[in-house]
Amino acid sequence: MTKSMTGYGRSQQIIDNFEITVEIKSVNHRYTDFNFRISRNYAFLEEPVKAFLKGYVSRGKVDVHISVQKQMDDSKEVSLNIALAKHYIDALKALGEHFGIENDIKTSTMARFGDIFEVSRKQDDEEEIIKLVLTVCKEAADNFIQMRLREGEKLAADMLMRARLIGRELDKIDEIAPSTVVEHRQKIEQRIKELLGEVPVDENRLLMETAILADKLSITEEIIRLRSHLDEFEHILNQDEAVGRKLDFLLQEMNREINTIGSKSNNLEIAKLVVNIKAELEKIREQLQNIE
């Protein structure tokens, strides 16, 4: 199904003491461009999340915001410097013996010596955090894709309606075209006879030359090719993949054919129909700017 390049998805979950929020939004862009907002402590998440999202996005400017918060802070560990604590205890015992005072060393006494405690930051298990974040990221990405699909469906319906309108205008041109070829041929014959005046004319040669000139002005081939492009346009719209670049190329080909029809045909009614078709092709081009 056709996807829009505009989308938004969000998921917030509490898993294994972590509150994780992933927010994904995108707008149209010629290529794929990821921009991440993650706290420095979790910068290691960027590459695995980008690799994961590439399975969802093939085109567009994608902003990803990831927040990882611990429910309870267990990031610090406290350890005891046994050797230093022993030195303090030995010193306190010596103090008591030297001055003949009671040796009342307790845990609370030792706790006053803050340097016997060493506080260090507990290392996060990066692989585990990546796993948790990707779980949340999948839900956000699914929501994101659903919005892209809904937007894409609306854009595809509009472009399909315009393509079919172009087809109807092309049918009108096809009805008029044969008579214009005859008119061209008659005008060419008349003009040649006027230029030659009384000079004898080889009627067979005249018929052959005017037929060649009239054939050059025929728009039958362009009409056939444009119809074929319109059929292919509808076919591509229904493909389950990124179709934006294919459709963009096809649109260029359709513009080329209608421009040729306009330049070859010297008929006011066809000229009006050509203008209508070009206007619809321009509207399709604007919609295509947001198709993945």
Protein backbone atom coordinates (compact mmCIF):
# COMPACT_ATOMS: atom_id res chain seq x y z
CA MET A 1 0.00 0.00 0.00
CA THR A 2 1.09 3.56 -0.68
CA LYS A 3 2.69 5.29 2.29
CA SER A 4 2.90 8.99 3.02
CA MET A 5 6.22 10.38 4.21
CA THR A 6 4.33 12.24 6.95
CA GLY A 7 3.78 10.19 10.08
CA TYR A 8 3.82 10.13 13.87
CA GLY A 9 4.02 7.30 16.37
CA ARG A 10 4.62 7.11 20.11
CA SER A 11 4.91 4.42 22.77
CA GLN A 12 5.59 4.59 26.50
CA GLN A 13 6.13 1.49 28.59
CA ILE A 14 7.52 0.52 32.01
CA ILE A 15 9.71 -2.57 31.70
CA ASP A 16 12.15 -4.00 34.28
CA ASN A 17 12.50 -0.83 36.35
CA PHE A 18 12.80 1.38 33.23
CA GLU A 19 10.24 3.88 31.95
CA ILE A 20 10.94 4.06 28.23
CA THR A 21 9.37 6.51 25.79
CA VAL A 22 9.95 6.41 22.03
CA GLU A 23 8.53 9.10 19.75
CA ILE A 24 8.88 8.97 15.96
CA LYS A 25 7.78 11.63 13.48
CA SER A 26 8.64 12.26 9.85
CA VAL A 27 8.15 14.67 6.96
CA ASN A 28 8.93 14.43 3.27
CA HIS A 29 12.54 14.31 2.12
CA ARG A 30 14.27 13.23 -1.06
CA TYR A 31 16.32 10.60 0.78
CA THR A 32 16.30 8.89 4.18
CA ASP A 33 17.55 11.14 6.96
CA PHE A 34 17.44 10.19 10.66
CA ASN A 35 17.81 12.68 13.50
CA PHE A 36 18.02 11.38 17.10
CA ARG A 37 17.46 13.03 20.46
CA ILE A 38 18.86 10.80 23.23
CA SER A 39 20.57 11.64 26.52
CA ARG A 40 24.35 11.23 26.48
CA ASN A 41 24.20 8.25 28.87
CA TYR A 42 22.22 6.29 26.29
CA ALA A 43 23.95 7.43 23.11
CA PHE A 44 24.74 3.77 22.37
CA LEU A 45 21.05 3.31 21.43
CA GLU A 46 21.25 5.37 18.24
CA GLU A 47 22.82 2.83 15.88
CA PRO A 48 20.71 -0.22 16.82
CA VAL A 49 17.49 1.85 16.75
CA LYS A 50 18.42 3.36 13.38
CA ALA A 51 19.13 -0.10 11.97
CA PHE A 52 15.76 -1.28 13.30
CA LEU A 53 13.80 1.66 11.84
CA LYS A 54 15.37 1.25 8.40
CA GLY A 55 13.18 -1.81 8.11
CA TYR A 56 10.17 0.51 8.36
CA VAL A 57 11.31 3.62 6.48
CA SER A 58 12.90 3.89 3.05
CA ARG A 59 12.42 7.61 2.48
CA GLY A 60 11.74 10.75 4.55
CA LYS A 61 13.24 12.96 7.26
CA VAL A 62 12.70 11.04 10.50
CA ASP A 63 13.06 12.54 14.00
CA VAL A 64 13.39 10.03 16.84
CA HIS A 65 13.21 10.98 20.52
CA ILE A 66 14.12 8.31 23.09
CA SER A 67 13.77 8.78 26.85
CA VAL A 68 14.99 6.13 29.33
CA GLN A 69 14.26 6.75 33.02
CA LYS A 70 14.85 4.38 35.93
CA GLN A 71 11.92 3.89 38.29
CA MET A 72 14.30 3.30 41.21
CA ASP A 73 17.87 4.54 41.09
CA ASP A 74 20.14 1.54 41.49
CA SER A 75 22.89 3.06 39.41
CA LYS A 76 25.30 3.49 42.36
CA GLU A 77 27.13 0.86 44.33
CA VAL A 78 28.75 1.36 47.79
CA SER A 79 31.77 -0.74 48.74
CA LEU A 80 33.88 -0.76 51.91
CA ASN A 81 37.60 -0.08 51.97
CA ILE A 82 38.42 -2.90 54.41
CA ALA A 83 42.10 -2.05 54.75
CA LEU A 84 41.42 1.59 55.61
CA ALA A 85 38.66 0.64 58.05
CA LYS A 86 41.08 -1.74 59.83
CA HIS A 87 43.60 1.07 60.17
CA TYR A 88 40.92 3.25 61.81
CA ILE A 89 39.91 0.45 64.22
CA ASP A 90 43.52 -0.25 65.16
CA ALA A 91 44.09 3.46 65.72
CA LEU A 92 40.98 3.74 67.93
CA LYS A 93 42.05 0.71 70.01
CA ALA A 94 45.50 2.19 70.46
CA LEU A 95 43.89 5.48 71.51
CA GLY A 96 41.83 3.69 74.19
CA GLU A 97 44.78 1.71 75.52
CA HIS A 98 47.07 4.71 75.61
CA PHE A 99 44.67 6.95 77.53
CA GLY A 100 42.93 4.22 79.50
CA ILE A 101 39.50 5.01 78.13
CA GLU A 102 36.69 2.65 77.23
CA ASN A 103 36.91 1.08 73.83
CA ASP A 104 33.33 1.61 72.57
CA ILE A 105 33.88 1.25 68.84
CA LYS A 106 30.54 0.67 67.05
CA THR A 107 29.36 0.68 63.48
CA SER A 108 27.99 4.18 63.98
CA THR A 109 31.46 5.23 65.12
CA MET A 110 33.05 3.90 61.93
CA ALA A 111 30.37 5.44 59.76
CA ARG A 112 31.76 8.85 60.64
CA PHE A 113 34.85 8.06 58.61
CA GLY A 114 33.33 8.65 55.18
CA ASP A 115 36.50 7.78 53.29
CA ILE A 116 36.18 4.08 54.17
CA PHE A 117 33.15 3.96 51.84
CA GLU A 118 33.70 4.01 48.11
CA VAL A 119 30.77 5.02 45.88
CA SER A 120 30.90 3.94 42.23
CA ARG A 121 28.46 4.03 39.35
CA LYS A 122 27.00 0.70 38.40
CA GLN A 123 27.55 -0.12 34.76
CA ASP A 124 24.35 -0.48 32.74
CA ASP A 125 23.83 -3.67 30.77
CA GLU A 126 23.77 -2.04 27.32
CA GLU A 127 22.56 -5.15 25.49
CA GLU A 128 19.64 -5.53 27.86
CA ILE A 129 18.67 -1.86 27.56
CA ILE A 130 18.85 -2.06 23.75
CA LYS A 131 16.53 -5.05 23.85
CA LEU A 132 14.02 -3.21 26.07
CA VAL A 133 14.12 -0.03 23.97
CA LEU A 134 13.59 -1.95 20.72
CA THR A 135 10.49 -3.55 22.25
CA VAL A 136 9.03 -0.09 22.87
CA CYS A 137 10.36 1.15 19.54
CA LYS A 138 8.43 -1.55 17.68
CA GLU A 139 5.11 -0.37 19.10
CA ALA A 140 5.95 3.27 18.29
CA ALA A 141 7.04 2.27 14.77
CA ASP A 142 3.84 0.27 14.20
CA ASN A 143 1.76 3.32 15.21
CA PHE A 144 3.96 5.50 13.02
CA ILE A 145 3.48 3.24 9.98
CA GLN A 146 -0.28 3.03 10.50
CA MET A 147 -0.50 6.83 10.27
CA ARG A 148 1.73 6.82 7.18
CA LEU A 149 -0.54 4.23 5.58
CA ARG A 150 -3.70 6.20 6.38
CA GLU A 151 -2.19 9.38 4.95
CA GLY A 152 -0.85 7.46 1.95
CA GLU A 153 -4.28 5.96 1.26
CA LYS A 154 -5.80 9.45 1.05
CA LEU A 155 -3.03 10.69 -1.24
CA ALA A 156 -3.30 7.60 -3.47
CA ALA A 157 -7.08 8.01 -3.77
CA ASP A 158 -6.66 11.64 -4.82
CA MET A 159 -3.95 10.84 -7.38
CA LEU A 160 -5.95 7.92 -8.77
CA MET A 161 -8.99 10.16 -9.19
CA ARG A 162 -6.87 12.69 -11.09
CA ALA A 163 -5.23 9.99 -13.24
CA ARG A 164 -8.67 8.72 -14.26
CA LEU A 165 -9.78 12.28 -15.01
CA ILE A 166 -6.72 12.61 -17.27
CA GLY A 167 -7.78 9.35 -18.95
CA ARG A 168 -11.20 10.79 -19.74
CA GLU A 169 -9.68 13.97 -21.14
CA LEU A 170 -7.34 11.83 -23.22
CA ASP A 171 -10.34 9.93 -24.61
CA LYS A 172 -11.75 13.24 -25.82
CA ILE A 173 -8.46 14.07 -27.52
CA ASP A 174 -8.45 10.63 -29.15
CA GLU A 175 -11.92 11.27 -30.56
CA ILE A 176 -10.90 14.60 -32.04
CA ALA A 177 -7.44 13.57 -33.29
CA PRO A 178 -8.41 11.71 -36.54
CA SER A 179 -10.29 14.71 -37.89
CA THR A 180 -7.37 17.01 -37.14
CA VAL A 181 -5.03 14.76 -39.14
CA VAL A 182 -7.42 14.94 -42.12
CA GLU A 183 -7.60 18.72 -41.74
CA HIS A 184 -3.80 18.94 -41.65
CA ARG A 185 -3.53 16.86 -44.78
CA GLN A 186 -6.11 18.92 -46.67
CA LYS A 187 -4.44 22.18 -45.65
CA ILE A 188 -1.04 20.90 -46.77
CA GLU A 189 -2.44 19.80 -50.16
CA GLN A 190 -4.21 23.12 -50.62
CA ARG A 191 -1.11 25.08 -49.70
CA ILE A 192 1.10 23.15 -52.11
CA LYS A 193 -1.35 23.65 -54.96
CA GLU A 194 -1.52 27.37 -54.22
CA LEU A 195 2.27 27.64 -54.25
CA LEU A 196 2.65 25.69 -57.50
CA GLY A 197 -0.18 27.48 -59.27
CA GLU A 198 -0.44 26.33 -62.90
CA VAL A 199 2.57 24.02 -62.67
CA PRO A 200 1.50 20.41 -63.32
CA VAL A 201 1.39 18.29 -60.15
CA ASP A 202 2.07 14.59 -59.83
CA GLU A 203 -1.02 13.67 -57.84
CA ASN A 204 0.47 10.40 -56.57
CA ARG A 205 3.63 12.19 -55.38
CA LEU A 206 1.53 14.90 -53.79
CA LEU A 207 -0.57 12.37 -51.93
CA MET A 208 2.54 10.56 -50.69
CA GLU A 209 4.26 13.73 -49.46
CA THR A 210 1.17 15.08 -47.72
CA ALA A 211 0.62 11.68 -46.13
CA ILE A 212 4.17 11.74 -44.74
CA LEU A 213 3.72 15.27 -43.37
CA ALA A 214 0.34 14.39 -41.89
CA ASP A 215 1.82 11.29 -40.26
CA LYS A 216 4.48 13.42 -38.57
CA LEU A 217 1.72 15.52 -37.06
CA SER A 218 -0.23 12.47 -35.88
CA ILE A 219 -0.53 12.15 -32.07
CA THR A 220 -1.72 8.52 -32.06
CA GLU A 221 1.54 7.12 -30.67
CA GLU A 222 1.67 9.73 -27.91
CA ILE A 223 -1.92 8.96 -26.92
CA ILE A 224 -1.14 5.23 -26.76
CA ARG A 225 1.97 5.80 -24.65
CA LEU A 226 0.17 8.18 -22.30
CA ARG A 227 -2.63 5.66 -21.81
CA SER A 228 -0.02 3.01 -21.05
CA HIS A 229 1.63 5.33 -18.48
CA LEU A 230 -1.74 5.94 -16.81
CA ASP A 231 -2.35 2.20 -16.52
CA GLU A 232 1.13 1.69 -15.07
CA PHE A 233 0.59 4.58 -12.66
CA GLU A 234 -2.47 2.86 -11.20
CA HIS A 235 -0.63 -0.47 -11.05
CA ILE A 236 2.33 1.03 -9.15
CA LEU A 237 0.02 2.79 -6.69
CA ASN A 238 -1.23 -0.63 -5.56
CA GLN A 239 2.24 -2.09 -4.96
CA ASP A 240 3.23 -2.91 -1.38
CA GLU A 241 6.55 -1.07 -1.40
CA ALA A 242 8.04 2.42 -1.62
CA VAL A 243 6.72 3.78 -4.94
CA GLY A 244 7.48 7.50 -4.82
CA ARG A 245 10.54 7.44 -7.09
CA LYS A 246 8.85 5.15 -9.63
CA LEU A 247 5.79 7.38 -9.80
CA ASP A 248 7.93 10.49 -10.08
CA PHE A 249 9.75 9.04 -13.10
CA LEU A 250 6.46 7.97 -14.69
CA LEU A 251 5.01 11.43 -14.15
CA GLN A 252 7.93 12.95 -16.06
CA GLU A 253 7.17 10.61 -18.96
CA MET A 254 3.49 11.60 -18.91
CA ASN A 255 4.43 15.27 -19.00
CA ARG A 256 6.70 14.60 -21.96
CA GLU A 257 3.90 12.89 -23.91
CA ILE A 258 1.28 15.56 -23.22
CA ASN A 259 3.76 18.31 -24.16
CA THR A 260 4.37 16.54 -27.49
CA ILE A 261 0.62 16.22 -28.08
CA GLY A 262 0.23 19.92 -27.39
CA SER A 263 3.07 20.93 -29.74
CA LYS A 264 1.92 18.66 -32.60
CA SER A 265 -1.76 19.45 -32.50
CA ASN A 266 -2.98 22.65 -34.07
CA ASN A 267 -6.50 22.38 -32.73
CA LEU A 268 -8.06 24.75 -30.22
CA GLU A 269 -10.24 22.10 -28.57
CA ILE A 270 -7.30 19.73 -28.11
CA ALA A 271 -5.20 22.61 -26.80
CA LYS A 272 -7.79 23.22 -24.05
CA LEU A 273 -7.81 19.53 -23.13
CA VAL A 274 -3.99 19.51 -23.01
CA VAL A 275 -4.07 22.44 -20.56
CA ASN A 276 -6.55 20.53 -18.37
CA ILE A 277 -4.35 17.43 -18.36
CA LYS A 278 -1.21 19.42 -17.52
CA ALA A 279 -3.03 21.06 -14.62
CA GLU A 280 -4.00 17.63 -13.23
CA LEU A 281 -0.45 16.31 -13.70
CA GLU A 282 0.86 19.28 -11.71
CA LYS A 283 -1.57 18.49 -8.87
CA ILE A 284 -0.40 14.87 -8.91
CA ARG A 285 3.23 16.07 -8.81
CA GLU A 286 2.47 18.11 -5.67
CA GLN A 287 0.92 15.06 -3.98
CA LEU A 288 3.87 12.88 -5.00
CA GLN A 289 6.22 15.08 -2.98
CA ASN A 290 4.88 13.37 0.13
CA ILE A 291 4.80 9.76 -1.12
CA GLU A 292 7.47 7.37 0.18
